[in-house]
Amino acid sequence: MTKRYWNINLEEMMKAGV
């Protein structure tokens, strides 16, 4: 797993959480 992948996952989670 790359850091970029994790970053995208975090952003998606944040968007879904909003």
N, C-alpha and C. Protein backbone atom coordinates (compact mmCIF):
# COMPACT_ATOMS: atom_id res chain seq x y z
N MET A 1 0.86 -1.21 0.00
CA MET A 1 0.00 0.00 0.00
C MET A 1 0.89 1.25 0.00
N THR A 2 0.56 2.16 -0.87
CA THR A 2 1.37 3.39 -0.94
C THR A 2 0.72 4.50 -0.12
N LYS A 3 1.51 5.48 0.21
CA LYS A 3 0.96 6.59 1.01
C LYS A 3 -0.15 7.30 0.24
N ARG A 4 0.05 7.39 -1.08
CA ARG A 4 -0.95 8.08 -1.90
C ARG A 4 -2.31 7.36 -1.76
N TYR A 5 -2.26 6.05 -1.81
CA TYR A 5 -3.51 5.28 -1.70
C TYR A 5 -4.20 5.59 -0.37
N TRP A 6 -3.42 5.66 0.68
CA TRP A 6 -3.99 5.93 2.00
C TRP A 6 -4.59 7.35 2.02
N ASN A 7 -3.87 8.28 1.40
CA ASN A 7 -4.34 9.66 1.35
C ASN A 7 -5.70 9.71 0.65
N ILE A 8 -5.82 9.02 -0.46
CA ILE A 8 -7.09 9.02 -1.21
C ILE A 8 -8.18 8.40 -0.34
N ASN A 9 -7.84 7.33 0.35
CA ASN A 9 -8.83 6.67 1.20
C ASN A 9 -9.29 7.64 2.29
N LEU A 10 -8.38 8.36 2.87
CA LEU A 10 -8.72 9.30 3.95
C LEU A 10 -9.66 10.38 3.40
N GLU A 11 -9.31 10.90 2.24
CA GLU A 11 -10.15 11.96 1.64
C GLU A 11 -11.55 11.43 1.36
N GLU A 12 -11.61 10.21 0.84
CA GLU A 12 -12.93 9.63 0.52
C GLU A 12 -13.74 9.45 1.80
N MET A 13 -13.08 8.98 2.84
CA MET A 13 -13.77 8.77 4.13
C MET A 13 -14.29 10.11 4.65
N MET A 14 -13.46 11.12 4.57
CA MET A 14 -13.86 12.45 5.05
C MET A 14 -15.08 12.93 4.25
N LYS A 15 -15.02 12.78 2.93
CA LYS A 15 -16.14 13.22 2.08
C LYS A 15 -17.41 12.47 2.47
N ALA A 16 -17.29 11.18 2.68
CA ALA A 16 -18.46 10.37 3.03
C ALA A 16 -18.95 10.76 4.43
N GLY A 17 -18.01 11.14 5.29
CA GLY A 17 -18.40 11.51 6.67
C GLY A 17 -19.13 12.85 6.68
N VAL A 18 -18.76 13.74 5.79
CA VAL A 18 -19.37 15.08 5.78
C VAL A 18 -20.87 14.97 5.57
